[in-house]
Amino acid sequence: MSDANQSLALDGLEDARQALLALLEGMRRSLHLYTPHVDPRLYDDAQVIDTIRTRIVNQPRLQCYLLLPPAAEWQRDCPRLRQLSERLSSSFELRTPPREESLTRPELGQGMMVADEAGLLHLTDPRRFTGSYTAEGSASAREMMNFFKQVWDRSEPDIEMRRFRL
């Protein structure tokens, strides 16, 4: 992609995986991730997990803020993600959005990842891995960050993950 502000359409798992890897490789300070569906084909992918681990090791101040469904719904299918968040717990903060809110806000059916409050991977259909990716500086990334912060402020730490001090 020649212009970092251009949006790239995503159509399927491999497109989403490549976009997520590009987003992760470019992040320096933060990752804000929201998904209503933690699919292990994307979120427990060995290369994705290794990239997150490498970024955190190389950038010790990097923080990952994850808004996910309750851990009981995904931790068995995503052991790498769970283990990474346990081992690097000082870099991860995991919360669960209020259930009642997901019923009243249709945008909570979509997924999004924002790196450094600039790069955006937006999955309009997280089960089919369709959406768009913009490397940096999009107005959509700012809008998604505002949305993320609103939901984050009303979310709570996941009871199951508290056992692991997340």
N, C-alpha and C. Protein backbone atom coordinates (compact mmCIF):
# COMPACT_ATOMS: atom_id res chain seq x y z
N MET A 1 0.86 -1.17 0.00
CA MET A 1 0.00 0.00 0.00
C MET A 1 0.90 1.23 0.00
N SER A 2 0.75 2.08 -0.97
CA SER A 2 1.65 3.21 -1.13
C SER A 2 1.36 4.35 -0.17
N ASP A 3 0.11 4.64 0.10
CA ASP A 3 -0.26 5.74 0.99
C ASP A 3 -0.78 5.15 2.30
N ALA A 4 -0.14 5.52 3.41
CA ALA A 4 -0.51 4.97 4.71
C ALA A 4 -1.94 5.31 5.09
N ASN A 5 -2.49 6.39 4.52
CA ASN A 5 -3.85 6.80 4.85
C ASN A 5 -4.89 6.07 4.01
N GLN A 6 -4.46 5.33 3.00
CA GLN A 6 -5.40 4.59 2.18
C GLN A 6 -5.92 3.39 2.94
N SER A 7 -7.18 3.07 2.70
CA SER A 7 -7.80 1.93 3.34
C SER A 7 -7.72 0.72 2.41
N LEU A 8 -7.37 -0.42 2.96
CA LEU A 8 -7.27 -1.66 2.22
C LEU A 8 -8.43 -2.56 2.63
N ALA A 9 -9.21 -3.04 1.66
CA ALA A 9 -10.33 -3.92 1.96
C ALA A 9 -9.82 -5.30 2.38
N LEU A 10 -10.47 -5.88 3.36
CA LEU A 10 -10.12 -7.21 3.85
C LEU A 10 -11.27 -8.17 3.55
N ASP A 11 -10.92 -9.32 3.01
CA ASP A 11 -11.94 -10.30 2.64
C ASP A 11 -11.45 -11.69 3.01
N GLY A 12 -11.59 -12.05 4.26
CA GLY A 12 -11.23 -13.39 4.68
C GLY A 12 -10.11 -13.42 5.70
N LEU A 13 -9.89 -14.61 6.22
CA LEU A 13 -8.93 -14.82 7.30
C LEU A 13 -7.53 -14.39 6.93
N GLU A 14 -7.03 -14.78 5.76
CA GLU A 14 -5.65 -14.46 5.42
C GLU A 14 -5.44 -12.96 5.27
N ASP A 15 -6.41 -12.25 4.67
CA ASP A 15 -6.32 -10.78 4.58
C ASP A 15 -6.25 -10.17 5.98
N ALA A 16 -7.15 -10.63 6.87
CA ALA A 16 -7.19 -10.08 8.23
C ALA A 16 -5.90 -10.41 8.98
N ARG A 17 -5.39 -11.59 8.80
CA ARG A 17 -4.15 -12.01 9.46
C ARG A 17 -2.97 -11.15 9.01
N GLN A 18 -2.84 -10.94 7.71
CA GLN A 18 -1.75 -10.12 7.18
C GLN A 18 -1.87 -8.67 7.66
N ALA A 19 -3.09 -8.15 7.68
CA ALA A 19 -3.30 -6.78 8.16
C ALA A 19 -2.98 -6.67 9.64
N LEU A 20 -3.39 -7.66 10.43
CA LEU A 20 -3.09 -7.64 11.86
C LEU A 20 -1.59 -7.70 12.10
N LEU A 21 -0.89 -8.54 11.36
CA LEU A 21 0.57 -8.61 11.50
C LEU A 21 1.22 -7.27 11.16
N ALA A 22 0.76 -6.63 10.08
CA ALA A 22 1.31 -5.32 9.70
C ALA A 22 1.04 -4.29 10.80
N LEU A 23 -0.16 -4.30 11.34
CA LEU A 23 -0.52 -3.38 12.42
C LEU A 23 0.37 -3.61 13.64
N LEU A 24 0.53 -4.87 14.02
CA LEU A 24 1.34 -5.21 15.20
C LEU A 24 2.80 -4.86 15.00
N GLU A 25 3.32 -5.12 13.82
CA GLU A 25 4.74 -4.84 13.56
C GLU A 25 5.05 -3.35 13.62
N GLY A 26 4.04 -2.52 13.34
CA GLY A 26 4.25 -1.08 13.36
C GLY A 26 3.99 -0.42 14.70
N MET A 27 3.38 -1.12 15.64
CA MET A 27 3.01 -0.47 16.91
C MET A 27 4.22 -0.25 17.79
N ARG A 28 4.18 0.86 18.52
CA ARG A 28 5.28 1.24 19.40
C ARG A 28 4.83 1.49 20.84
N ARG A 29 3.60 1.99 21.01
CA ARG A 29 3.16 2.41 22.34
C ARG A 29 1.95 1.63 22.87
N SER A 30 0.98 1.35 21.98
CA SER A 30 -0.25 0.76 22.50
C SER A 30 -1.01 -0.02 21.43
N LEU A 31 -1.76 -0.98 21.93
CA LEU A 31 -2.72 -1.72 21.11
C LEU A 31 -4.03 -1.71 21.87
N HIS A 32 -5.07 -1.25 21.20
CA HIS A 32 -6.43 -1.29 21.74
C HIS A 32 -7.20 -2.25 20.85
N LEU A 33 -7.70 -3.33 21.43
CA LEU A 33 -8.36 -4.37 20.66
C LEU A 33 -9.72 -4.66 21.26
N TYR A 34 -10.74 -4.63 20.42
CA TYR A 34 -12.08 -5.05 20.82
C TYR A 34 -12.57 -6.07 19.80
N THR A 35 -13.09 -7.18 20.29
CA THR A 35 -13.75 -8.14 19.41
C THR A 35 -14.84 -8.86 20.19
N PRO A 36 -15.99 -9.07 19.55
CA PRO A 36 -17.05 -9.83 20.21
C PRO A 36 -16.84 -11.34 20.06
N HIS A 37 -15.88 -11.72 19.20
CA HIS A 37 -15.65 -13.14 18.88
C HIS A 37 -14.15 -13.38 18.79
N VAL A 38 -13.60 -14.13 19.73
CA VAL A 38 -12.17 -14.41 19.76
C VAL A 38 -11.92 -15.71 18.98
N ASP A 39 -11.69 -15.56 17.69
CA ASP A 39 -11.47 -16.72 16.83
C ASP A 39 -10.01 -17.15 16.93
N PRO A 40 -9.76 -18.39 17.32
CA PRO A 40 -8.37 -18.84 17.49
C PRO A 40 -7.55 -18.82 16.21
N ARG A 41 -8.21 -18.88 15.06
CA ARG A 41 -7.46 -18.85 13.80
C ARG A 41 -6.75 -17.51 13.61
N LEU A 42 -7.24 -16.47 14.26
CA LEU A 42 -6.59 -15.16 14.18
C LEU A 42 -5.89 -14.81 15.49
N TYR A 43 -6.58 -14.94 16.60
CA TYR A 43 -6.06 -14.45 17.87
C TYR A 43 -5.17 -15.45 18.61
N ASP A 44 -5.10 -16.69 18.13
CA ASP A 44 -4.19 -17.66 18.72
C ASP A 44 -3.17 -18.15 17.69
N ASP A 45 -3.08 -17.44 16.59
CA ASP A 45 -2.11 -17.76 15.53
C ASP A 45 -0.70 -17.58 16.09
N ALA A 46 0.17 -18.57 15.86
CA ALA A 46 1.53 -18.54 16.42
C ALA A 46 2.30 -17.29 15.99
N GLN A 47 2.18 -16.90 14.72
CA GLN A 47 2.92 -15.73 14.25
C GLN A 47 2.37 -14.44 14.87
N VAL A 48 1.07 -14.35 15.03
CA VAL A 48 0.47 -13.17 15.67
C VAL A 48 0.95 -13.07 17.12
N ILE A 49 0.88 -14.18 17.85
CA ILE A 49 1.31 -14.18 19.25
C ILE A 49 2.80 -13.86 19.37
N ASP A 50 3.62 -14.44 18.49
CA ASP A 50 5.06 -14.16 18.51
C ASP A 50 5.35 -12.69 18.21
N THR A 51 4.58 -12.11 17.30
CA THR A 51 4.78 -10.69 16.97
C THR A 51 4.43 -9.81 18.16
N ILE A 52 3.33 -10.11 18.83
CA ILE A 52 2.97 -9.34 20.03
C ILE A 52 4.07 -9.47 21.09
N ARG A 53 4.50 -10.69 21.33
CA ARG A 53 5.55 -10.93 22.32
C ARG A 53 6.81 -10.13 21.98
N THR A 54 7.24 -10.20 20.73
CA THR A 54 8.45 -9.48 20.29
C THR A 54 8.29 -7.98 20.47
N ARG A 55 7.13 -7.44 20.10
CA ARG A 55 6.90 -6.00 20.24
C ARG A 55 7.00 -5.59 21.71
N ILE A 56 6.41 -6.38 22.60
CA ILE A 56 6.43 -6.04 24.03
C ILE A 56 7.85 -6.13 24.58
N VAL A 57 8.58 -7.16 24.20
CA VAL A 57 9.96 -7.31 24.68
C VAL A 57 10.83 -6.16 24.19
N ASN A 58 10.65 -5.76 22.93
CA ASN A 58 11.45 -4.67 22.35
C ASN A 58 10.98 -3.28 22.78
N GLN A 59 9.73 -3.17 23.19
CA GLN A 59 9.15 -1.89 23.62
C GLN A 59 8.51 -2.12 25.00
N PRO A 60 9.29 -2.16 26.06
CA PRO A 60 8.77 -2.53 27.38
C PRO A 60 7.62 -1.66 27.89
N ARG A 61 7.49 -0.47 27.38
CA ARG A 61 6.38 0.40 27.83
C ARG A 61 5.11 0.20 27.02
N LEU A 62 5.16 -0.65 26.03
CA LEU A 62 3.99 -0.93 25.19
C LEU A 62 2.89 -1.55 26.05
N GLN A 63 1.67 -1.06 25.87
CA GLN A 63 0.52 -1.56 26.62
C GLN A 63 -0.53 -2.10 25.66
N CYS A 64 -1.13 -3.23 26.04
CA CYS A 64 -2.19 -3.86 25.27
C CYS A 64 -3.47 -3.82 26.08
N TYR A 65 -4.48 -3.17 25.55
CA TYR A 65 -5.78 -3.05 26.19
C TYR A 65 -6.76 -3.89 25.38
N LEU A 66 -7.25 -4.97 25.99
CA LEU A 66 -8.10 -5.91 25.27
C LEU A 66 -9.49 -5.92 25.88
N LEU A 67 -10.49 -5.66 25.04
CA LEU A 67 -11.89 -5.78 25.41
C LEU A 67 -12.40 -7.04 24.71
N LEU A 68 -12.65 -8.07 25.50
CA LEU A 68 -12.99 -9.38 24.94
C LEU A 68 -14.22 -9.94 25.64
N PRO A 69 -14.86 -10.93 25.03
CA PRO A 69 -15.92 -11.63 25.75
C PRO A 69 -15.34 -12.29 27.00
N PRO A 70 -16.18 -12.77 27.90
CA PRO A 70 -15.66 -13.44 29.09
C PRO A 70 -14.67 -14.55 28.72
N ALA A 71 -13.60 -14.65 29.49
CA ALA A 71 -12.52 -15.60 29.19
C ALA A 71 -13.03 -17.04 29.12
N ALA A 72 -14.06 -17.35 29.86
CA ALA A 72 -14.60 -18.71 29.82
C ALA A 72 -15.03 -19.10 28.41
N GLU A 73 -15.34 -18.12 27.56
CA GLU A 73 -15.78 -18.38 26.19
C GLU A 73 -14.64 -18.62 25.22
N TRP A 74 -13.41 -18.22 25.55
CA TRP A 74 -12.34 -18.30 24.56
C TRP A 74 -11.02 -18.88 25.05
N GLN A 75 -10.76 -18.90 26.35
CA GLN A 75 -9.42 -19.27 26.82
C GLN A 75 -9.02 -20.70 26.48
N ARG A 76 -9.94 -21.62 26.39
CA ARG A 76 -9.60 -22.99 26.02
C ARG A 76 -9.16 -23.07 24.56
N ASP A 77 -9.81 -22.30 23.69
CA ASP A 77 -9.48 -22.32 22.26
C ASP A 77 -8.28 -21.44 21.92
N CYS A 78 -7.90 -20.56 22.81
CA CYS A 78 -6.80 -19.62 22.56
C CYS A 78 -5.76 -19.70 23.67
N PRO A 79 -5.14 -20.85 23.87
CA PRO A 79 -4.18 -20.98 24.98
C PRO A 79 -2.96 -20.09 24.83
N ARG A 80 -2.52 -19.83 23.60
CA ARG A 80 -1.34 -18.97 23.41
C ARG A 80 -1.62 -17.55 23.87
N LEU A 81 -2.80 -17.04 23.50
CA LEU A 81 -3.18 -15.68 23.91
C LEU A 81 -3.29 -15.61 25.43
N ARG A 82 -3.94 -16.58 26.03
CA ARG A 82 -4.08 -16.60 27.49
C ARG A 82 -2.72 -16.66 28.17
N GLN A 83 -1.85 -17.55 27.69
CA GLN A 83 -0.52 -17.69 28.30
C GLN A 83 0.31 -16.42 28.13
N LEU A 84 0.24 -15.81 26.96
CA LEU A 84 0.99 -14.57 26.74
C LEU A 84 0.51 -13.48 27.70
N SER A 85 -0.80 -13.36 27.84
CA SER A 85 -1.33 -12.33 28.74
C SER A 85 -0.99 -12.62 30.20
N GLU A 86 -0.83 -13.89 30.56
CA GLU A 86 -0.41 -14.25 31.91
C GLU A 86 1.06 -13.92 32.13
N ARG A 87 1.90 -14.31 31.17
CA ARG A 87 3.35 -14.13 31.32
C ARG A 87 3.78 -12.67 31.26
N LEU A 88 3.10 -11.90 30.45
CA LEU A 88 3.45 -10.48 30.29
C LEU A 88 2.34 -9.61 30.86
N SER A 89 1.86 -9.98 32.04
CA SER A 89 0.68 -9.33 32.61
C SER A 89 0.86 -7.84 32.86
N SER A 90 2.08 -7.37 33.04
CA SER A 90 2.27 -5.93 33.26
C SER A 90 2.01 -5.13 31.98
N SER A 91 1.99 -5.79 30.83
CA SER A 91 1.74 -5.11 29.56
C SER A 91 0.31 -5.29 29.06
N PHE A 92 -0.47 -6.11 29.74
CA PHE A 92 -1.83 -6.42 29.30
C PHE A 92 -2.84 -5.95 30.32
N GLU A 93 -3.92 -5.38 29.81
CA GLU A 93 -5.09 -5.12 30.64
C GLU A 93 -6.28 -5.68 29.87
N LEU A 94 -6.98 -6.59 30.51
CA LEU A 94 -8.08 -7.31 29.87
C LEU A 94 -9.38 -6.97 30.57
N ARG A 95 -10.38 -6.58 29.80
CA ARG A 95 -11.69 -6.27 30.36
C ARG A 95 -12.78 -6.89 29.49
N THR A 96 -13.97 -6.96 30.09
CA THR A 96 -15.14 -7.49 29.40
C THR A 96 -16.21 -6.41 29.37
N PRO A 97 -16.75 -6.12 28.17
CA PRO A 97 -17.81 -5.11 28.11
C PRO A 97 -19.08 -5.62 28.79
N PRO A 98 -19.90 -4.70 29.29
CA PRO A 98 -21.15 -5.11 29.92
C PRO A 98 -22.05 -5.84 28.92
N ARG A 99 -22.61 -6.97 29.33
CA ARG A 99 -23.47 -7.77 28.45
C ARG A 99 -24.65 -6.96 27.91
N GLU A 100 -25.28 -6.19 28.79
CA GLU A 100 -26.47 -5.45 28.37
C GLU A 100 -26.15 -4.43 27.29
N GLU A 101 -24.94 -3.90 27.31
CA GLU A 101 -24.56 -2.92 26.30
C GLU A 101 -24.42 -3.56 24.92
N SER A 102 -23.94 -4.79 24.87
CA SER A 102 -23.77 -5.45 23.58
C SER A 102 -25.10 -5.70 22.89
N LEU A 103 -26.18 -5.73 23.65
CA LEU A 103 -27.50 -5.93 23.06
C LEU A 103 -28.08 -4.64 22.49
N THR A 104 -27.62 -3.49 22.97
CA THR A 104 -28.20 -2.22 22.56
C THR A 104 -27.34 -1.44 21.57
N ARG A 105 -26.10 -1.87 21.36
CA ARG A 105 -25.20 -1.14 20.46
C ARG A 105 -24.73 -2.07 19.35
N PRO A 106 -25.30 -1.93 18.15
CA PRO A 106 -24.94 -2.84 17.06
C PRO A 106 -23.46 -2.79 16.68
N GLU A 107 -22.78 -1.66 16.92
CA GLU A 107 -21.36 -1.58 16.59
C GLU A 107 -20.52 -2.53 17.43
N LEU A 108 -21.07 -3.02 18.54
CA LEU A 108 -20.35 -3.99 19.36
C LEU A 108 -20.33 -5.37 18.72
N GLY A 109 -20.99 -5.53 17.60
CA GLY A 109 -20.91 -6.77 16.83
C GLY A 109 -19.72 -6.76 15.88
N GLN A 110 -19.01 -5.65 15.81
CA GLN A 110 -17.83 -5.51 14.94
C GLN A 110 -16.57 -5.63 15.78
N GLY A 111 -15.44 -5.82 15.11
CA GLY A 111 -14.16 -5.89 15.80
C GLY A 111 -13.25 -4.77 15.35
N MET A 112 -12.32 -4.39 16.21
CA MET A 112 -11.37 -3.35 15.82
C MET A 112 -10.09 -3.47 16.63
N MET A 113 -9.00 -3.11 15.97
CA MET A 113 -7.70 -3.04 16.61
C MET A 113 -7.09 -1.72 16.20
N VAL A 114 -6.63 -0.95 17.16
CA VAL A 114 -6.00 0.34 16.89
C VAL A 114 -4.61 0.32 17.52
N ALA A 115 -3.60 0.57 16.71
CA ALA A 115 -2.21 0.63 17.19
C ALA A 115 -1.79 2.08 17.30
N ASP A 116 -1.24 2.44 18.44
CA ASP A 116 -0.72 3.79 18.68
C ASP A 116 -1.74 4.88 18.39
N GLU A 117 -3.01 4.54 18.55
CA GLU A 117 -4.13 5.44 18.31
C GLU A 117 -4.13 5.99 16.88
N ALA A 118 -3.52 5.26 15.94
CA ALA A 118 -3.41 5.76 14.56
C ALA A 118 -3.75 4.69 13.52
N GLY A 119 -3.13 3.52 13.59
CA GLY A 119 -3.39 2.45 12.63
C GLY A 119 -4.66 1.71 13.02
N LEU A 120 -5.47 1.33 12.04
CA LEU A 120 -6.77 0.73 12.32
C LEU A 120 -7.01 -0.51 11.48
N LEU A 121 -7.37 -1.59 12.15
CA LEU A 121 -7.92 -2.77 11.49
C LEU A 121 -9.36 -2.87 11.99
N HIS A 122 -10.30 -2.73 11.09
CA HIS A 122 -11.72 -2.71 11.44
C HIS A 122 -12.40 -3.90 10.77
N LEU A 123 -12.92 -4.81 11.57
CA LEU A 123 -13.62 -5.98 11.05
C LEU A 123 -15.12 -5.76 11.20
N THR A 124 -15.75 -5.42 10.10
CA THR A 124 -17.20 -5.20 10.14
C THR A 124 -17.94 -6.51 10.38
N ASP A 125 -17.34 -7.62 9.98
CA ASP A 125 -17.87 -8.95 10.27
C ASP A 125 -16.73 -9.82 10.80
N PRO A 126 -16.54 -9.84 12.13
CA PRO A 126 -15.40 -10.56 12.69
C PRO A 126 -15.45 -12.07 12.51
N ARG A 127 -16.60 -12.63 12.24
CA ARG A 127 -16.69 -14.08 12.01
C ARG A 127 -16.25 -14.46 10.59
N ARG A 128 -16.39 -13.52 9.68
CA ARG A 128 -15.98 -13.76 8.28
C ARG A 128 -14.68 -13.04 7.94
N PHE A 129 -14.17 -12.27 8.87
CA PHE A 129 -12.91 -11.54 8.69
C PHE A 129 -12.98 -10.56 7.52
N THR A 130 -14.08 -9.84 7.41
CA THR A 130 -14.21 -8.82 6.38
C THR A 130 -14.17 -7.45 7.05
N GLY A 131 -13.59 -6.50 6.33
CA GLY A 131 -13.49 -5.15 6.87
C GLY A 131 -12.45 -4.35 6.14
N SER A 132 -11.66 -3.56 6.88
CA SER A 132 -10.66 -2.71 6.24
C SER A 132 -9.47 -2.50 7.17
N TYR A 133 -8.36 -2.10 6.55
CA TYR A 133 -7.12 -1.81 7.28
C TYR A 133 -6.55 -0.51 6.77
N THR A 134 -6.21 0.39 7.68
CA THR A 134 -5.53 1.64 7.36
C THR A 134 -4.30 1.73 8.25
N ALA A 135 -3.14 1.89 7.64
CA ALA A 135 -1.87 1.83 8.38
C ALA A 135 -1.75 2.92 9.44
N GLU A 136 -2.16 4.15 9.13
CA GLU A 136 -2.01 5.21 10.13
C GLU A 136 -2.79 6.46 9.75
N GLY A 137 -3.09 7.23 10.77
CA GLY A 137 -3.61 8.58 10.57
C GLY A 137 -5.01 8.74 10.03
N SER A 138 -5.86 7.74 10.17
CA SER A 138 -7.20 7.90 9.61
C SER A 138 -8.15 8.51 10.64
N ALA A 139 -9.13 9.23 10.14
CA ALA A 139 -10.18 9.76 11.01
C ALA A 139 -10.95 8.61 11.64
N SER A 140 -11.07 7.51 10.92
CA SER A 140 -11.76 6.33 11.46
C SER A 140 -11.06 5.79 12.69
N ALA A 141 -9.73 5.82 12.70
CA ALA A 141 -8.98 5.34 13.87
C ALA A 141 -9.30 6.20 15.08
N ARG A 142 -9.39 7.50 14.89
CA ARG A 142 -9.74 8.39 16.01
C ARG A 142 -11.16 8.11 16.50
N GLU A 143 -12.08 7.90 15.56
CA GLU A 143 -13.46 7.58 15.94
C GLU A 143 -13.53 6.27 16.70
N MET A 144 -12.80 5.27 16.22
CA MET A 144 -12.80 3.97 16.89
C MET A 144 -12.16 4.06 18.28
N MET A 145 -11.14 4.89 18.44
CA MET A 145 -10.54 5.08 19.75
C MET A 145 -11.53 5.71 20.72
N ASN A 146 -12.29 6.69 20.25
CA ASN A 146 -13.31 7.30 21.10
C ASN A 146 -14.34 6.26 21.52
N PHE A 147 -14.78 5.45 20.57
CA PHE A 147 -15.73 4.37 20.85
C PHE A 147 -15.12 3.39 21.87
N PHE A 148 -13.88 2.98 21.62
CA PHE A 148 -13.20 2.03 22.51
C PHE A 148 -13.15 2.59 23.93
N LYS A 149 -12.76 3.84 24.07
CA LYS A 149 -12.63 4.45 25.40
C LYS A 149 -13.97 4.50 26.13
N GLN A 150 -15.06 4.78 25.39
CA GLN A 150 -16.39 4.79 26.00
C GLN A 150 -16.74 3.42 26.56
N VAL A 151 -16.52 2.39 25.76
CA VAL A 151 -16.84 1.03 26.20
C VAL A 151 -15.89 0.60 27.31
N TRP A 152 -14.61 0.92 27.17
CA TRP A 152 -13.60 0.56 28.18
C TRP A 152 -13.98 1.13 29.55
N ASP A 153 -14.42 2.38 29.58
CA ASP A 153 -14.77 3.03 30.84
C ASP A 153 -15.94 2.34 31.54
N ARG A 154 -16.80 1.68 30.79
CA ARG A 154 -17.95 0.98 31.39
C ARG A 154 -17.69 -0.52 31.58
N SER A 155 -16.56 -0.98 31.13
CA SER A 155 -16.26 -2.41 31.24
C SER A 155 -15.62 -2.72 32.59
N GLU A 156 -15.49 -4.01 32.86
CA GLU A 156 -14.89 -4.45 34.12
C GLU A 156 -13.87 -5.54 33.84
N PRO A 157 -12.89 -5.68 34.74
CA PRO A 157 -11.95 -6.78 34.58
C PRO A 157 -12.70 -8.11 34.57
N ASP A 158 -12.25 -9.03 33.75
CA ASP A 158 -12.88 -10.34 33.64
C ASP A 158 -12.62 -11.13 34.92
N ILE A 159 -13.67 -11.66 35.52
CA ILE A 159 -13.56 -12.40 36.78
C ILE A 159 -12.61 -13.59 36.62
N GLU A 160 -12.76 -14.33 35.54
CA GLU A 160 -11.91 -15.51 35.30
C GLU A 160 -10.44 -15.12 35.18
N MET A 161 -10.16 -14.01 34.50
CA MET A 161 -8.78 -13.61 34.28
C MET A 161 -8.17 -12.96 35.52
N ARG A 162 -8.97 -12.54 36.47
CA ARG A 162 -8.42 -11.99 37.72
C ARG A 162 -7.56 -13.03 38.43
N ARG A 163 -7.92 -14.29 38.23
CA ARG A 163 -7.10 -15.36 38.83
C ARG A 163 -5.66 -15.25 38.38
N PHE A 164 -5.48 -14.73 37.16
CA PHE A 164 -4.14 -14.62 36.59
C PHE A 164 -3.57 -13.22 36.77
N ARG A 165 -4.22 -12.40 37.61
CA ARG A 165 -3.77 -11.03 37.91
C ARG A 165 -3.78 -10.13 36.69
N LEU A 166 -4.76 -10.27 35.81
CA LEU A 166 -4.86 -9.40 34.64
C LEU A 166 -5.86 -8.31 34.90
